[in-house]
Amino acid sequence: MRFGTDSQVIDCPYCGESYELIVDVSESEQRYIEDCYVCCAPIQFNVTVALNGEVCVLAQHENDC
């Protein structure tokens, strides 16, 4: 089991602003909702962590999921 975090720069699907998201890399797949740090809109995050440690973050409108 891996522990730790990684940071990814994401673009808010609502306001388009970029900001740094801290990702928990201890789980290989995650899905959660978190408010944008800029406009406070709810963003649906789908996070996958590959076996080689590569992190992929998909940020979508809450209603697009």
PDB file of N, CA and C in Angstrom:
ATOM      1  N   MET A   1       0.846  -1.180   0.000  1.00  0.00           N
ATOM      2  CA  MET A   1       0.000   0.000   0.000  1.00  0.00           C
ATOM      3  C   MET A   1       0.887   1.237   0.000  1.00  0.00           C
ATOM      4  N   ARG A   2       0.546   2.188  -0.855  1.00  0.00           N
ATOM      5  CA  ARG A   2       1.277   3.454  -0.911  1.00  0.00           C
ATOM      6  C   ARG A   2       0.558   4.496  -0.066  1.00  0.00           C
ATOM      7  N   PHE A   3       1.343   5.347   0.532  1.00  0.00           N
ATOM      8  CA  PHE A   3       0.788   6.462   1.292  1.00  0.00           C
ATOM      9  C   PHE A   3       1.352   7.742   0.710  1.00  0.00           C
ATOM     10  N   GLY A   4       0.617   8.810   0.862  1.00  0.00           N
ATOM     11  CA  GLY A   4       1.146  10.086   0.433  1.00  0.00           C
ATOM     12  C   GLY A   4       0.180  10.874  -0.404  1.00  0.00           C
ATOM     13  N   THR A   5       0.703  11.977  -0.885  1.00  0.00           N
ATOM     14  CA  THR A   5      -0.097  12.871  -1.707  1.00  0.00           C
ATOM     15  C   THR A   5       0.698  13.278  -2.937  1.00  0.00           C
ATOM     16  N   ASP A   6      -0.020  13.808  -3.894  1.00  0.00           N
ATOM     17  CA  ASP A   6       0.560  14.347  -5.112  1.00  0.00           C
ATOM     18  C   ASP A   6      -0.214  15.623  -5.416  1.00  0.00           C
ATOM     19  N   SER A   7       0.389  16.532  -6.115  1.00  0.00           N
ATOM     20  CA  SER A   7      -0.337  17.743  -6.494  1.00  0.00           C
ATOM     21  C   SER A   7      -0.520  17.766  -8.010  1.00  0.00           C
ATOM     22  N   GLN A   8      -1.690  18.192  -8.423  1.00  0.00           N
ATOM     23  CA  GLN A   8      -2.044  18.305  -9.833  1.00  0.00           C
ATOM     24  C   GLN A   8      -2.675  19.672 -10.049  1.00  0.00           C
ATOM     25  N   VAL A   9      -2.352  20.303 -11.161  1.00  0.00           N
ATOM     26  CA  VAL A   9      -2.995  21.567 -11.519  1.00  0.00           C
ATOM     27  C   VAL A   9      -4.224  21.226 -12.348  1.00  0.00           C
ATOM     28  N   ILE A  10      -5.366  21.716 -11.916  1.00  0.00           N
ATOM     29  CA  ILE A  10      -6.619  21.456 -12.632  1.00  0.00           C
ATOM     30  C   ILE A  10      -7.248  22.785 -13.048  1.00  0.00           C
ATOM     31  N   ASP A  11      -8.112  22.705 -14.051  1.00  0.00           N
ATOM     32  CA  ASP A  11      -8.907  23.854 -14.480  1.00  0.00           C
ATOM     33  C   ASP A  11     -10.341  23.606 -14.058  1.00  0.00           C
ATOM     34  N   CYS A  12     -10.937  24.570 -13.381  1.00  0.00           N
ATOM     35  CA  CYS A  12     -12.332  24.445 -12.964  1.00  0.00           C
ATOM     36  C   CYS A  12     -13.222  24.386 -14.203  1.00  0.00           C
ATOM     37  N   PRO A  13     -14.115  23.398 -14.291  1.00  0.00           N
ATOM     38  CA  PRO A  13     -15.007  23.311 -15.448  1.00  0.00           C
ATOM     39  C   PRO A  13     -16.086  24.400 -15.469  1.00  0.00           C
ATOM     40  N   TYR A  14     -16.223  25.143 -14.385  1.00  0.00           N
ATOM     41  CA  TYR A  14     -17.213  26.222 -14.312  1.00  0.00           C
ATOM     42  C   TYR A  14     -16.600  27.577 -14.669  1.00  0.00           C
ATOM     43  N   CYS A  15     -15.568  27.981 -13.910  1.00  0.00           N
ATOM     44  CA  CYS A  15     -15.013  29.328 -14.097  1.00  0.00           C
ATOM     45  C   CYS A  15     -13.736  29.333 -14.933  1.00  0.00           C
ATOM     46  N   GLY A  16     -13.128  28.157 -15.153  1.00  0.00           N
ATOM     47  CA  GLY A  16     -11.939  28.066 -15.987  1.00  0.00           C
ATOM     48  C   GLY A  16     -10.631  28.407 -15.291  1.00  0.00           C
ATOM     49  N   GLU A  17     -10.690  28.802 -14.034  1.00  0.00           N
ATOM     50  CA  GLU A  17      -9.471  29.139 -13.302  1.00  0.00           C
ATOM     51  C   GLU A  17      -8.666  27.879 -12.978  1.00  0.00           C
ATOM     52  N   SER A  18      -7.360  28.014 -13.016  1.00  0.00           N
ATOM     53  CA  SER A  18      -6.469  26.914 -12.669  1.00  0.00           C
ATOM     54  C   SER A  18      -6.054  27.033 -11.210  1.00  0.00           C
ATOM     55  N   TYR A  19      -5.965  25.884 -10.545  1.00  0.00           N
ATOM     56  CA  TYR A  19      -5.438  25.863  -9.186  1.00  0.00           C
ATOM     57  C   TYR A  19      -4.865  24.485  -8.888  1.00  0.00           C
ATOM     58  N   GLU A  20      -4.076  24.424  -7.836  1.00  0.00           N
ATOM     59  CA  GLU A  20      -3.415  23.178  -7.463  1.00  0.00           C
ATOM     60  C   GLU A  20      -4.325  22.343  -6.573  1.00  0.00           C
ATOM     61  N   LEU A  21      -4.505  21.089  -6.954  1.00  0.00           N
ATOM     62  CA  LEU A  21      -5.312  20.147  -6.199  1.00  0.00           C
ATOM     63  C   LEU A  21      -4.369  19.131  -5.560  1.00  0.00           C
ATOM     64  N   ILE A  22      -4.521  18.902  -4.264  1.00  0.00           N
ATOM     65  CA  ILE A  22      -3.730  17.893  -3.565  1.00  0.00           C
ATOM     66  C   ILE A  22      -4.515  16.581  -3.618  1.00  0.00           C
ATOM     67  N   VAL A  23      -3.867  15.531  -4.136  1.00  0.00           N
ATOM     68  CA  VAL A  23      -4.521  14.243  -4.358  1.00  0.00           C
ATOM     69  C   VAL A  23      -3.925  13.193  -3.425  1.00  0.00           C
ATOM     70  N   ASP A  24      -4.789  12.439  -2.760  1.00  0.00           N
ATOM     71  CA  ASP A  24      -4.379  11.302  -1.945  1.00  0.00           C
ATOM     72  C   ASP A  24      -4.085  10.146  -2.902  1.00  0.00           C
ATOM     73  N   VAL A  25      -2.842   9.674  -2.944  1.00  0.00           N
ATOM     74  CA  VAL A  25      -2.463   8.620  -3.885  1.00  0.00           C
ATOM     75  C   VAL A  25      -2.474   7.226  -3.256  1.00  0.00           C
ATOM     76  N   SER A  26      -3.056   7.075  -2.069  1.00  0.00           N
ATOM     77  CA  SER A  26      -3.109   5.776  -1.414  1.00  0.00           C
ATOM     78  C   SER A  26      -4.180   4.866  -2.017  1.00  0.00           C
ATOM     79  N   GLU A  27      -5.128   5.425  -2.766  1.00  0.00           N
ATOM     80  CA  GLU A  27      -6.176   4.656  -3.434  1.00  0.00           C
ATOM     81  C   GLU A  27      -5.946   4.725  -4.940  1.00  0.00           C
ATOM     82  N   SER A  28      -6.139   3.606  -5.637  1.00  0.00           N
ATOM     83  CA  SER A  28      -5.909   3.599  -7.084  1.00  0.00           C
ATOM     84  C   SER A  28      -7.031   4.286  -7.858  1.00  0.00           C
ATOM     85  N   GLU A  29      -8.256   4.293  -7.318  1.00  0.00           N
ATOM     86  CA  GLU A  29      -9.377   4.979  -7.957  1.00  0.00           C
ATOM     87  C   GLU A  29     -10.196   5.701  -6.898  1.00  0.00           C
ATOM     88  N   GLN A  30     -10.556   6.937  -7.215  1.00  0.00           N
ATOM     89  CA  GLN A  30     -11.366   7.740  -6.299  1.00  0.00           C
ATOM     90  C   GLN A  30     -12.363   8.557  -7.097  1.00  0.00           C
ATOM     91  N   ARG A  31     -13.486   8.819  -6.494  1.00  0.00           N
ATOM     92  CA  ARG A  31     -14.499   9.695  -7.087  1.00  0.00           C
ATOM     93  C   ARG A  31     -15.113  10.492  -5.944  1.00  0.00           C
ATOM     94  N   TYR A  32     -15.056  11.810  -6.075  1.00  0.00           N
ATOM     95  CA  TYR A  32     -15.596  12.655  -5.007  1.00  0.00           C
ATOM     96  C   TYR A  32     -15.941  14.031  -5.553  1.00  0.00           C
ATOM     97  N   ILE A  33     -16.692  14.787  -4.759  1.00  0.00           N
ATOM     98  CA  ILE A  33     -17.081  16.153  -5.112  1.00  0.00           C
ATOM     99  C   ILE A  33     -16.392  17.101  -4.151  1.00  0.00           C
ATOM    100  N   GLU A  34     -15.813  18.149  -4.718  1.00  0.00           N
ATOM    101  CA  GLU A  34     -15.140  19.186  -3.923  1.00  0.00           C
ATOM    102  C   GLU A  34     -15.433  20.531  -4.579  1.00  0.00           C
ATOM    103  N   ASP A  35     -15.645  21.546  -3.780  1.00  0.00           N
ATOM    104  CA  ASP A  35     -15.929  22.871  -4.318  1.00  0.00           C
ATOM    105  C   ASP A  35     -14.672  23.513  -4.894  1.00  0.00           C
ATOM    106  N   CYS A  36     -14.851  24.263  -5.983  1.00  0.00           N
ATOM    107  CA  CYS A  36     -13.762  25.021  -6.586  1.00  0.00           C
ATOM    108  C   CYS A  36     -13.268  26.051  -5.572  1.00  0.00           C
ATOM    109  N   TYR A  37     -11.951  26.196  -5.474  1.00  0.00           N
ATOM    110  CA  TYR A  37     -11.376  27.161  -4.536  1.00  0.00           C
ATOM    111  C   TYR A  37     -11.613  28.599  -4.986  1.00  0.00           C
ATOM    112  N   VAL A  38     -11.953  28.799  -6.257  1.00  0.00           N
ATOM    113  CA  VAL A  38     -12.130  30.144  -6.791  1.00  0.00           C
ATOM    114  C   VAL A  38     -13.598  30.553  -6.792  1.00  0.00           C
ATOM    115  N   CYS A  39     -14.465  29.742  -7.456  1.00  0.00           N
ATOM    116  CA  CYS A  39     -15.876  30.132  -7.612  1.00  0.00           C
ATOM    117  C   CYS A  39     -16.843  29.353  -6.716  1.00  0.00           C
ATOM    118  N   CYS A  40     -16.343  28.383  -5.980  1.00  0.00           N
ATOM    119  CA  CYS A  40     -17.128  27.584  -5.021  1.00  0.00           C
ATOM    120  C   CYS A  40     -18.158  26.648  -5.661  1.00  0.00           C
ATOM    121  N   ALA A  41     -18.095  26.432  -6.965  1.00  0.00           N
ATOM    122  CA  ALA A  41     -19.009  25.500  -7.624  1.00  0.00           C
ATOM    123  C   ALA A  41     -18.569  24.061  -7.325  1.00  0.00           C
ATOM    124  N   PRO A  42     -19.532  23.117  -7.249  1.00  0.00           N
ATOM    125  CA  PRO A  42     -19.184  21.730  -6.936  1.00  0.00           C
ATOM    126  C   PRO A  42     -18.603  21.000  -8.156  1.00  0.00           C
ATOM    127  N   ILE A  43     -17.385  20.486  -8.019  1.00  0.00           N
ATOM    128  CA  ILE A  43     -16.707  19.786  -9.110  1.00  0.00           C
ATOM    129  C   ILE A  43     -16.653  18.297  -8.782  1.00  0.00           C
ATOM    130  N   GLN A  44     -17.014  17.469  -9.746  1.00  0.00           N
ATOM    131  CA  GLN A  44     -16.889  16.017  -9.615  1.00  0.00           C
ATOM    132  C   GLN A  44     -15.480  15.631 -10.061  1.00  0.00           C
ATOM    133  N   PHE A  45     -14.701  15.024  -9.171  1.00  0.00           N
ATOM    134  CA  PHE A  45     -13.351  14.579  -9.491  1.00  0.00           C
ATOM    135  C   PHE A  45     -13.315  13.065  -9.629  1.00  0.00           C
ATOM    136  N   ASN A  46     -12.707  12.589 -10.710  1.00  0.00           N
ATOM    137  CA  ASN A  46     -12.411  11.180 -10.901  1.00  0.00           C
ATOM    138  C   ASN A  46     -10.891  11.071 -10.961  1.00  0.00           C
ATOM    139  N   VAL A  47     -10.322  10.371  -9.997  1.00  0.00           N
ATOM    140  CA  VAL A  47      -8.873  10.280  -9.864  1.00  0.00           C
ATOM    141  C   VAL A  47      -8.457   8.825 -10.023  1.00  0.00           C
ATOM    142  N   THR A  48      -7.460   8.585 -10.862  1.00  0.00           N
ATOM    143  CA  THR A  48      -6.879   7.249 -10.987  1.00  0.00           C
ATOM    144  C   THR A  48      -5.372   7.356 -10.800  1.00  0.00           C
ATOM    145  N   VAL A  49      -4.826   6.350 -10.130  1.00  0.00           N
ATOM    146  CA  VAL A  49      -3.385   6.276  -9.910  1.00  0.00           C
ATOM    147  C   VAL A  49      -2.913   4.965 -10.532  1.00  0.00           C
ATOM    148  N   ALA A  50      -2.052   5.057 -11.542  1.00  0.00           N
ATOM    149  CA  ALA A  50      -1.520   3.881 -12.232  1.00  0.00           C
ATOM    150  C   ALA A  50      -0.494   3.177 -11.345  1.00  0.00           C
ATOM    151  N   LEU A  51      -0.184   1.946 -11.692  1.00  0.00           N
ATOM    152  CA  LEU A  51       0.804   1.180 -10.937  1.00  0.00           C
ATOM    153  C   LEU A  51       2.166   1.858 -10.910  1.00  0.00           C
ATOM    154  N   ASN A  52       2.479   2.620 -11.971  1.00  0.00           N
ATOM    155  CA  ASN A  52       3.769   3.321 -12.012  1.00  0.00           C
ATOM    156  C   ASN A  52       3.728   4.642 -11.244  1.00  0.00           C
ATOM    157  N   GLY A  53       2.593   4.961 -10.622  1.00  0.00           N
ATOM    158  CA  GLY A  53       2.470   6.172  -9.817  1.00  0.00           C
ATOM    159  C   GLY A  53       1.914   7.375 -10.554  1.00  0.00           C
ATOM    160  N   GLU A  54       1.674   7.239 -11.857  1.00  0.00           N
ATOM    161  CA  GLU A  54       1.122   8.357 -12.625  1.00  0.00           C
ATOM    162  C   GLU A  54      -0.308   8.644 -12.181  1.00  0.00           C
ATOM    163  N   VAL A  55      -0.573   9.918 -11.918  1.00  0.00           N
ATOM    164  CA  VAL A  55      -1.887  10.342 -11.435  1.00  0.00           C
ATOM    165  C   VAL A  55      -2.645  11.029 -12.563  1.00  0.00           C
ATOM    166  N   CYS A  56      -3.908  10.635 -12.735  1.00  0.00           N
ATOM    167  CA  CYS A  56      -4.777  11.253 -13.734  1.00  0.00           C
ATOM    168  C   CYS A  56      -6.012  11.790 -13.015  1.00  0.00           C
ATOM    169  N   VAL A  57      -6.304  13.075 -13.221  1.00  0.00           N
ATOM    170  CA  VAL A  57      -7.449  13.722 -12.583  1.00  0.00           C
ATOM    171  C   VAL A  57      -8.375  14.254 -13.664  1.00  0.00           C
ATOM    172  N   LEU A  58      -9.636  13.845 -13.611  1.00  0.00           N
ATOM    173  CA  LEU A  58     -10.664  14.346 -14.506  1.00  0.00           C
ATOM    174  C   LEU A  58     -11.622  15.192 -13.674  1.00  0.00           C
ATOM    175  N   ALA A  59     -11.761  16.470 -14.028  1.00  0.00           N
ATOM    176  CA  ALA A  59     -12.641  17.393 -13.308  1.00  0.00           C
ATOM    177  C   ALA A  59     -13.825  17.722 -14.214  1.00  0.00           C
ATOM    178  N   GLN A  60     -15.048  17.466 -13.725  1.00  0.00           N
ATOM    179  CA  GLN A  60     -16.254  17.676 -14.509  1.00  0.00           C
ATOM    180  C   GLN A  60     -17.299  18.470 -13.741  1.00  0.00           C
ATOM    181  N   HIS A  61     -18.232  19.072 -14.502  1.00  0.00           N
ATOM    182  CA  HIS A  61     -19.416  19.663 -13.866  1.00  0.00           C
ATOM    183  C   HIS A  61     -20.098  18.559 -13.075  1.00  0.00           C
ATOM    184  N   GLU A  62     -20.649  18.892 -11.953  1.00  0.00           N
ATOM    185  CA  GLU A  62     -21.333  17.898 -11.111  1.00  0.00           C
ATOM    186  C   GLU A  62     -22.467  17.212 -11.877  1.00  0.00           C
ATOM    187  N   ASN A  63     -23.182  17.941 -12.713  1.00  0.00           N
ATOM    188  CA  ASN A  63     -24.329  17.377 -13.430  1.00  0.00           C
ATOM    189  C   ASN A  63     -23.952  16.605 -14.686  1.00  0.00           C
ATOM    190  N   ASP A  64     -22.685  16.642 -15.096  1.00  0.00           N
ATOM    191  CA  ASP A  64     -22.246  15.928 -16.299  1.00  0.00           C
ATOM    192  C   ASP A  64     -21.876  14.477 -16.015  1.00  0.00           C
ATOM    193  N   CYS A  65     -21.903  14.064 -14.781  1.00  0.00           N
ATOM    194  CA  CYS A  65     -21.436  12.720 -14.405  1.00  0.00           C
ATOM    195  C   CYS A  65     -22.544  11.691 -14.500  1.00  0.00           C
TER     196      CYS A  65
END
